[in-house]
Amino acid sequence: MATFTRMQVAAETPRQPRYPSDLTDAQWKQLAPLLEERQRMGPGRPRRVALREVVNALLYMKQTGCAWRYLPREFPPRSTVHYYFEKWTTDGTLHAAVDRLREAMRRHQGRAARPTAAIIDSQTVKTAGPTVEVGWDGGK
């Protein structure tokens, strides 16, 4: 009987959504090309983890606020999820993914893909940076 690692099973097994935070098929259809095109082929081991499962793990953590070490076992190992989180944050992939999903949602609602206006709450906008002491007072 062949044994498989958790990552191999996650990469090869289609499944029904386990958690409310999991990507829908329509959302994954929007994100898959972006994530695949950002994966550069080069030296090293080939990827053995399903990127959809990595994204599902990140969405689960965002929704529940759980710590890395409490990530359920159904997801890829936390070190793998953390690796992709750091990589995608650094290279702008997460920002591009949010932009793509927002634009798709706006088009679905019959609105322009990009917003034309924004509202800023003046109570939360800081008007100046932290104060800095300048000079020297010999009397202190």
N, C-alpha and C. Protein backbone atom coordinates (compact mmCIF):
# COMPACT_ATOMS: atom_id res chain seq x y z
N MET A 1 0.85 -1.18 0.00
CA MET A 1 0.00 0.00 0.00
C MET A 1 0.89 1.23 0.00
N ALA A 2 0.65 2.14 -0.92
CA ALA A 2 1.45 3.35 -1.03
C ALA A 2 1.04 4.34 0.05
N THR A 3 2.02 5.05 0.57
CA THR A 3 1.72 6.09 1.56
C THR A 3 1.97 7.44 0.91
N PHE A 4 1.15 8.39 1.27
CA PHE A 4 1.25 9.72 0.71
C PHE A 4 1.42 10.73 1.83
N THR A 5 2.15 11.79 1.54
CA THR A 5 2.27 12.86 2.52
C THR A 5 1.01 13.71 2.46
N ARG A 6 0.83 14.53 3.48
CA ARG A 6 -0.32 15.42 3.53
C ARG A 6 -0.35 16.37 2.34
N MET A 7 0.83 16.86 1.93
CA MET A 7 0.88 17.79 0.81
C MET A 7 0.48 17.11 -0.49
N GLN A 8 0.90 15.87 -0.70
CA GLN A 8 0.54 15.17 -1.93
C GLN A 8 -0.96 14.91 -1.99
N VAL A 9 -1.54 14.54 -0.89
CA VAL A 9 -2.97 14.28 -0.85
C VAL A 9 -3.74 15.56 -1.13
N ALA A 10 -3.32 16.68 -0.51
CA ALA A 10 -4.00 17.96 -0.71
C ALA A 10 -3.87 18.41 -2.16
N ALA A 11 -2.74 18.11 -2.79
CA ALA A 11 -2.52 18.55 -4.17
C ALA A 11 -3.34 17.74 -5.17
N GLU A 12 -3.69 16.51 -4.83
CA GLU A 12 -4.31 15.62 -5.80
C GLU A 12 -5.78 15.32 -5.52
N THR A 13 -6.27 15.66 -4.36
CA THR A 13 -7.62 15.28 -3.99
C THR A 13 -8.60 16.42 -4.16
N PRO A 14 -9.55 16.32 -5.11
CA PRO A 14 -10.60 17.33 -5.17
C PRO A 14 -11.51 17.16 -3.96
N ARG A 15 -12.04 18.25 -3.46
CA ARG A 15 -12.85 18.14 -2.25
C ARG A 15 -13.93 19.20 -2.23
N GLN A 16 -14.89 18.96 -1.38
CA GLN A 16 -15.92 19.94 -1.13
C GLN A 16 -15.37 20.94 -0.11
N PRO A 17 -15.85 22.18 -0.12
CA PRO A 17 -15.36 23.15 0.87
C PRO A 17 -15.59 22.63 2.29
N ARG A 18 -14.57 22.75 3.11
CA ARG A 18 -14.65 22.31 4.50
C ARG A 18 -15.05 23.45 5.42
N TYR A 19 -14.62 24.65 5.07
CA TYR A 19 -14.83 25.79 5.94
C TYR A 19 -15.52 26.90 5.14
N PRO A 20 -16.28 27.75 5.83
CA PRO A 20 -16.93 28.86 5.12
C PRO A 20 -15.93 29.80 4.44
N SER A 21 -14.70 29.84 4.91
CA SER A 21 -13.70 30.74 4.34
C SER A 21 -13.06 30.20 3.07
N ASP A 22 -13.31 28.94 2.70
CA ASP A 22 -12.68 28.35 1.52
C ASP A 22 -13.11 29.07 0.25
N LEU A 23 -12.20 29.10 -0.73
CA LEU A 23 -12.49 29.72 -2.02
C LEU A 23 -13.60 28.97 -2.75
N THR A 24 -14.45 29.71 -3.41
CA THR A 24 -15.43 29.07 -4.29
C THR A 24 -14.71 28.75 -5.61
N ASP A 25 -15.34 27.92 -6.44
CA ASP A 25 -14.73 27.60 -7.73
C ASP A 25 -14.58 28.85 -8.59
N ALA A 26 -15.55 29.76 -8.54
CA ALA A 26 -15.47 31.00 -9.32
C ALA A 26 -14.31 31.87 -8.85
N GLN A 27 -14.12 31.97 -7.54
CA GLN A 27 -12.99 32.74 -7.02
C GLN A 27 -11.66 32.11 -7.42
N TRP A 28 -11.58 30.80 -7.33
CA TRP A 28 -10.34 30.12 -7.70
C TRP A 28 -10.06 30.30 -9.20
N LYS A 29 -11.11 30.30 -9.99
CA LYS A 29 -10.94 30.49 -11.44
C LYS A 29 -10.31 31.86 -11.72
N GLN A 30 -10.64 32.86 -10.92
CA GLN A 30 -10.04 34.18 -11.06
C GLN A 30 -8.59 34.22 -10.59
N LEU A 31 -8.30 33.51 -9.50
CA LEU A 31 -6.97 33.58 -8.89
C LEU A 31 -5.95 32.64 -9.49
N ALA A 32 -6.36 31.49 -9.96
CA ALA A 32 -5.41 30.47 -10.42
C ALA A 32 -4.43 30.99 -11.47
N PRO A 33 -4.89 31.69 -12.51
CA PRO A 33 -3.92 32.17 -13.50
C PRO A 33 -2.89 33.13 -12.90
N LEU A 34 -3.32 33.97 -11.97
CA LEU A 34 -2.41 34.92 -11.34
C LEU A 34 -1.34 34.20 -10.54
N LEU A 35 -1.76 33.22 -9.74
CA LEU A 35 -0.80 32.50 -8.90
C LEU A 35 0.13 31.64 -9.74
N GLU A 36 -0.40 31.02 -10.77
CA GLU A 36 0.43 30.15 -11.62
C GLU A 36 1.44 30.97 -12.42
N GLU A 37 1.03 32.14 -12.92
CA GLU A 37 1.95 32.93 -13.73
C GLU A 37 3.06 33.54 -12.89
N ARG A 38 2.81 33.71 -11.61
CA ARG A 38 3.84 34.27 -10.73
C ARG A 38 4.83 33.22 -10.24
N GLN A 39 4.54 31.95 -10.50
CA GLN A 39 5.45 30.88 -10.12
C GLN A 39 6.52 30.76 -11.19
N ARG A 40 7.75 31.05 -10.83
CA ARG A 40 8.84 30.98 -11.80
C ARG A 40 9.43 29.57 -11.79
N MET A 41 9.65 29.08 -12.99
CA MET A 41 10.31 27.80 -13.11
C MET A 41 11.81 28.04 -12.98
N GLY A 42 12.48 27.19 -12.27
CA GLY A 42 13.92 27.35 -12.10
C GLY A 42 14.48 26.16 -11.36
N PRO A 43 15.67 26.32 -10.86
CA PRO A 43 16.27 25.20 -10.13
C PRO A 43 15.51 24.94 -8.82
N GLY A 44 15.64 23.76 -8.36
CA GLY A 44 14.99 23.39 -7.11
C GLY A 44 13.92 22.34 -7.32
N ARG A 45 13.32 21.95 -6.24
CA ARG A 45 12.28 20.92 -6.30
C ARG A 45 11.01 21.46 -6.94
N PRO A 46 10.31 20.61 -7.65
CA PRO A 46 9.01 21.05 -8.17
C PRO A 46 8.01 21.20 -7.02
N ARG A 47 7.07 22.10 -7.18
CA ARG A 47 6.05 22.32 -6.15
C ARG A 47 5.17 21.09 -6.02
N ARG A 48 4.90 20.68 -4.77
CA ARG A 48 4.04 19.52 -4.53
C ARG A 48 2.81 19.88 -3.73
N VAL A 49 2.57 21.15 -3.56
CA VAL A 49 1.43 21.58 -2.75
C VAL A 49 0.42 22.28 -3.67
N ALA A 50 -0.85 22.08 -3.38
CA ALA A 50 -1.91 22.74 -4.15
C ALA A 50 -2.02 24.19 -3.68
N LEU A 51 -1.84 25.12 -4.60
CA LEU A 51 -1.90 26.53 -4.23
C LEU A 51 -3.27 26.93 -3.71
N ARG A 52 -4.31 26.26 -4.20
CA ARG A 52 -5.65 26.56 -3.71
C ARG A 52 -5.74 26.25 -2.21
N GLU A 53 -5.10 25.19 -1.78
CA GLU A 53 -5.13 24.84 -0.36
C GLU A 53 -4.33 25.85 0.47
N VAL A 54 -3.26 26.38 -0.09
CA VAL A 54 -2.49 27.41 0.60
C VAL A 54 -3.35 28.66 0.78
N VAL A 55 -4.04 29.06 -0.28
CA VAL A 55 -4.92 30.23 -0.20
C VAL A 55 -6.06 29.96 0.79
N ASN A 56 -6.63 28.76 0.77
CA ASN A 56 -7.68 28.42 1.73
C ASN A 56 -7.17 28.51 3.16
N ALA A 57 -5.95 28.07 3.40
CA ALA A 57 -5.36 28.15 4.73
C ALA A 57 -5.19 29.60 5.16
N LEU A 58 -4.72 30.45 4.24
CA LEU A 58 -4.56 31.87 4.57
C LEU A 58 -5.90 32.53 4.85
N LEU A 59 -6.92 32.18 4.08
CA LEU A 59 -8.25 32.74 4.31
C LEU A 59 -8.82 32.26 5.64
N TYR A 60 -8.57 30.98 5.98
CA TYR A 60 -9.03 30.44 7.26
C TYR A 60 -8.38 31.22 8.41
N MET A 61 -7.09 31.44 8.30
CA MET A 61 -6.39 32.17 9.36
C MET A 61 -6.89 33.61 9.48
N LYS A 62 -7.15 34.23 8.35
CA LYS A 62 -7.66 35.60 8.36
C LYS A 62 -9.03 35.67 9.02
N GLN A 63 -9.92 34.72 8.68
CA GLN A 63 -11.27 34.74 9.23
C GLN A 63 -11.31 34.39 10.72
N THR A 64 -10.52 33.41 11.12
CA THR A 64 -10.59 32.95 12.50
C THR A 64 -9.63 33.66 13.43
N GLY A 65 -8.57 34.24 12.86
CA GLY A 65 -7.58 34.90 13.70
C GLY A 65 -6.70 33.92 14.45
N CYS A 66 -6.64 32.69 13.99
CA CYS A 66 -5.85 31.69 14.70
C CYS A 66 -4.35 31.91 14.47
N ALA A 67 -3.55 31.39 15.37
CA ALA A 67 -2.11 31.46 15.23
C ALA A 67 -1.64 30.41 14.24
N TRP A 68 -0.43 30.60 13.70
CA TRP A 68 0.12 29.66 12.72
C TRP A 68 0.09 28.23 13.26
N ARG A 69 0.44 28.07 14.52
CA ARG A 69 0.55 26.70 15.06
C ARG A 69 -0.81 26.02 15.25
N TYR A 70 -1.90 26.78 15.20
CA TYR A 70 -3.23 26.20 15.34
C TYR A 70 -3.93 25.94 14.02
N LEU A 71 -3.21 26.05 12.92
CA LEU A 71 -3.79 25.78 11.61
C LEU A 71 -4.20 24.31 11.55
N PRO A 72 -5.45 24.02 11.18
CA PRO A 72 -5.92 22.63 11.16
C PRO A 72 -5.09 21.74 10.24
N ARG A 73 -5.05 20.47 10.54
CA ARG A 73 -4.23 19.51 9.80
C ARG A 73 -4.72 19.27 8.37
N GLU A 74 -5.94 19.66 8.06
CA GLU A 74 -6.45 19.46 6.70
C GLU A 74 -5.71 20.34 5.69
N PHE A 75 -5.07 21.40 6.17
CA PHE A 75 -4.34 22.30 5.30
C PHE A 75 -2.89 21.83 5.16
N PRO A 76 -2.16 22.39 4.19
CA PRO A 76 -0.73 22.07 4.11
C PRO A 76 -0.02 22.47 5.41
N PRO A 77 1.18 21.96 5.64
CA PRO A 77 1.90 22.31 6.88
C PRO A 77 2.06 23.83 7.03
N ARG A 78 2.07 24.27 8.28
CA ARG A 78 2.11 25.71 8.52
C ARG A 78 3.37 26.36 7.97
N SER A 79 4.49 25.62 7.93
CA SER A 79 5.72 26.19 7.37
C SER A 79 5.55 26.47 5.88
N THR A 80 4.83 25.61 5.18
CA THR A 80 4.57 25.81 3.75
C THR A 80 3.64 27.00 3.54
N VAL A 81 2.59 27.08 4.32
CA VAL A 81 1.64 28.19 4.21
C VAL A 81 2.35 29.51 4.53
N HIS A 82 3.18 29.50 5.57
CA HIS A 82 3.91 30.70 5.95
C HIS A 82 4.90 31.11 4.86
N TYR A 83 5.55 30.16 4.23
CA TYR A 83 6.48 30.44 3.14
C TYR A 83 5.76 31.20 2.02
N TYR A 84 4.62 30.68 1.59
CA TYR A 84 3.88 31.33 0.51
C TYR A 84 3.33 32.69 0.94
N PHE A 85 2.90 32.80 2.19
CA PHE A 85 2.42 34.09 2.70
C PHE A 85 3.53 35.14 2.60
N GLU A 86 4.72 34.81 3.08
CA GLU A 86 5.85 35.75 3.03
C GLU A 86 6.22 36.07 1.59
N LYS A 87 6.29 35.05 0.75
CA LYS A 87 6.66 35.24 -0.64
C LYS A 87 5.66 36.12 -1.37
N TRP A 88 4.38 35.81 -1.23
CA TRP A 88 3.33 36.56 -1.92
C TRP A 88 3.18 37.98 -1.37
N THR A 89 3.45 38.18 -0.09
CA THR A 89 3.40 39.52 0.47
C THR A 89 4.54 40.36 -0.08
N THR A 90 5.72 39.78 -0.14
CA THR A 90 6.90 40.50 -0.61
C THR A 90 6.82 40.86 -2.09
N ASP A 91 6.38 39.91 -2.92
CA ASP A 91 6.38 40.17 -4.37
C ASP A 91 5.08 40.81 -4.88
N GLY A 92 4.13 41.11 -3.99
CA GLY A 92 2.92 41.81 -4.39
C GLY A 92 1.79 40.93 -4.91
N THR A 93 1.96 39.62 -4.83
CA THR A 93 0.93 38.71 -5.33
C THR A 93 -0.37 38.84 -4.55
N LEU A 94 -0.29 38.95 -3.22
CA LEU A 94 -1.51 39.07 -2.42
C LEU A 94 -2.27 40.36 -2.77
N HIS A 95 -1.54 41.43 -2.96
CA HIS A 95 -2.19 42.70 -3.33
C HIS A 95 -2.86 42.57 -4.70
N ALA A 96 -2.19 41.94 -5.64
CA ALA A 96 -2.76 41.75 -6.98
C ALA A 96 -3.98 40.84 -6.92
N ALA A 97 -3.95 39.83 -6.05
CA ALA A 97 -5.09 38.91 -5.91
C ALA A 97 -6.31 39.64 -5.36
N VAL A 98 -6.12 40.48 -4.37
CA VAL A 98 -7.23 41.25 -3.81
C VAL A 98 -7.80 42.19 -4.88
N ASP A 99 -6.92 42.84 -5.63
CA ASP A 99 -7.37 43.73 -6.70
C ASP A 99 -8.20 42.96 -7.73
N ARG A 100 -7.72 41.78 -8.12
CA ARG A 100 -8.42 41.00 -9.15
C ARG A 100 -9.80 40.56 -8.66
N LEU A 101 -9.88 40.07 -7.42
CA LEU A 101 -11.18 39.63 -6.89
C LEU A 101 -12.14 40.82 -6.70
N ARG A 102 -11.63 41.96 -6.25
CA ARG A 102 -12.48 43.14 -6.08
C ARG A 102 -13.03 43.59 -7.42
N GLU A 103 -12.17 43.64 -8.45
CA GLU A 103 -12.63 44.07 -9.77
C GLU A 103 -13.67 43.11 -10.34
N ALA A 104 -13.46 41.80 -10.15
CA ALA A 104 -14.43 40.82 -10.63
C ALA A 104 -15.77 40.98 -9.91
N MET A 105 -15.74 41.23 -8.62
CA MET A 105 -16.97 41.41 -7.84
C MET A 105 -17.71 42.67 -8.29
N ARG A 106 -16.97 43.74 -8.54
CA ARG A 106 -17.61 44.98 -8.99
C ARG A 106 -18.24 44.80 -10.37
N ARG A 107 -17.56 44.10 -11.28
CA ARG A 107 -18.13 43.85 -12.61
C ARG A 107 -19.38 42.98 -12.50
N HIS A 108 -19.34 41.99 -11.59
CA HIS A 108 -20.50 41.12 -11.37
C HIS A 108 -21.70 41.92 -10.88
N GLN A 109 -21.44 42.97 -10.10
CA GLN A 109 -22.51 43.83 -9.59
C GLN A 109 -22.93 44.90 -10.58
N GLY A 110 -22.31 44.91 -11.78
CA GLY A 110 -22.67 45.89 -12.80
C GLY A 110 -22.04 47.25 -12.58
N ARG A 111 -20.98 47.30 -11.81
CA ARG A 111 -20.29 48.55 -11.53
C ARG A 111 -18.98 48.61 -12.31
N ALA A 112 -18.36 49.77 -12.33
CA ALA A 112 -17.05 49.91 -12.97
C ALA A 112 -16.04 49.06 -12.20
N ALA A 113 -15.08 48.48 -12.92
CA ALA A 113 -14.10 47.59 -12.29
C ALA A 113 -13.28 48.31 -11.22
N ARG A 114 -12.97 49.57 -11.48
CA ARG A 114 -12.18 50.34 -10.51
C ARG A 114 -13.06 51.41 -9.86
N PRO A 115 -12.94 51.59 -8.54
CA PRO A 115 -13.74 52.62 -7.88
C PRO A 115 -13.32 54.01 -8.35
N THR A 116 -14.27 54.93 -8.40
CA THR A 116 -13.98 56.29 -8.84
C THR A 116 -13.92 57.26 -7.67
N ALA A 117 -14.30 56.83 -6.49
CA ALA A 117 -14.29 57.71 -5.33
C ALA A 117 -13.96 56.90 -4.09
N ALA A 118 -13.54 57.60 -3.05
CA ALA A 118 -13.25 56.94 -1.78
C ALA A 118 -13.69 57.87 -0.65
N ILE A 119 -14.00 57.28 0.47
CA ILE A 119 -14.40 58.05 1.64
C ILE A 119 -13.36 57.81 2.73
N ILE A 120 -12.88 58.89 3.31
CA ILE A 120 -11.91 58.79 4.39
C ILE A 120 -12.53 59.39 5.63
N ASP A 121 -12.50 58.65 6.72
CA ASP A 121 -13.03 59.13 7.99
C ASP A 121 -11.98 60.04 8.62
N SER A 122 -12.31 61.30 8.79
CA SER A 122 -11.32 62.25 9.29
C SER A 122 -10.92 61.99 10.74
N GLN A 123 -11.72 61.23 11.46
CA GLN A 123 -11.37 60.92 12.84
C GLN A 123 -10.19 59.95 12.94
N THR A 124 -9.98 59.16 11.89
CA THR A 124 -8.92 58.16 11.97
C THR A 124 -7.68 58.54 11.18
N VAL A 125 -7.71 59.64 10.46
CA VAL A 125 -6.56 60.05 9.67
C VAL A 125 -5.63 60.87 10.54
N LYS A 126 -4.38 60.48 10.60
CA LYS A 126 -3.42 61.24 11.38
C LYS A 126 -2.94 62.42 10.55
N THR A 127 -2.83 63.58 11.18
CA THR A 127 -2.44 64.77 10.44
C THR A 127 -0.95 65.03 10.52
N ALA A 128 -0.28 64.48 11.49
CA ALA A 128 1.15 64.72 11.63
C ALA A 128 1.82 63.47 12.18
N GLY A 129 3.07 63.36 11.92
CA GLY A 129 3.84 62.23 12.44
C GLY A 129 4.16 62.44 13.90
N PRO A 130 4.91 61.52 14.48
CA PRO A 130 5.27 61.65 15.89
C PRO A 130 6.16 62.88 16.10
N THR A 131 6.03 63.49 17.28
CA THR A 131 6.85 64.66 17.56
C THR A 131 8.28 64.23 17.84
N VAL A 132 9.19 65.08 17.46
CA VAL A 132 10.60 64.81 17.67
C VAL A 132 11.19 65.99 18.43
N GLU A 133 11.92 65.69 19.49
CA GLU A 133 12.56 66.76 20.25
C GLU A 133 13.77 67.23 19.47
N VAL A 134 13.87 68.53 19.34
CA VAL A 134 14.99 69.12 18.61
C VAL A 134 15.73 70.04 19.57
N GLY A 135 17.02 69.98 19.53
CA GLY A 135 17.82 70.87 20.37
C GLY A 135 18.20 70.23 21.69
N TRP A 136 18.88 71.01 22.50
CA TRP A 136 19.37 70.49 23.78
C TRP A 136 19.11 71.55 24.83
N ASP A 137 18.54 71.14 25.94
CA ASP A 137 18.27 72.05 27.03
C ASP A 137 19.23 71.73 28.15
N GLY A 138 20.17 72.59 28.40
CA GLY A 138 21.18 72.36 29.43
C GLY A 138 20.64 72.37 30.84
N GLY A 139 19.44 72.94 31.04
CA GLY A 139 18.87 73.02 32.36
C GLY A 139 18.20 71.72 32.82
N LYS A 140 18.07 70.76 31.95
CA LYS A 140 17.37 69.53 32.35
C LYS A 140 18.33 68.52 32.88
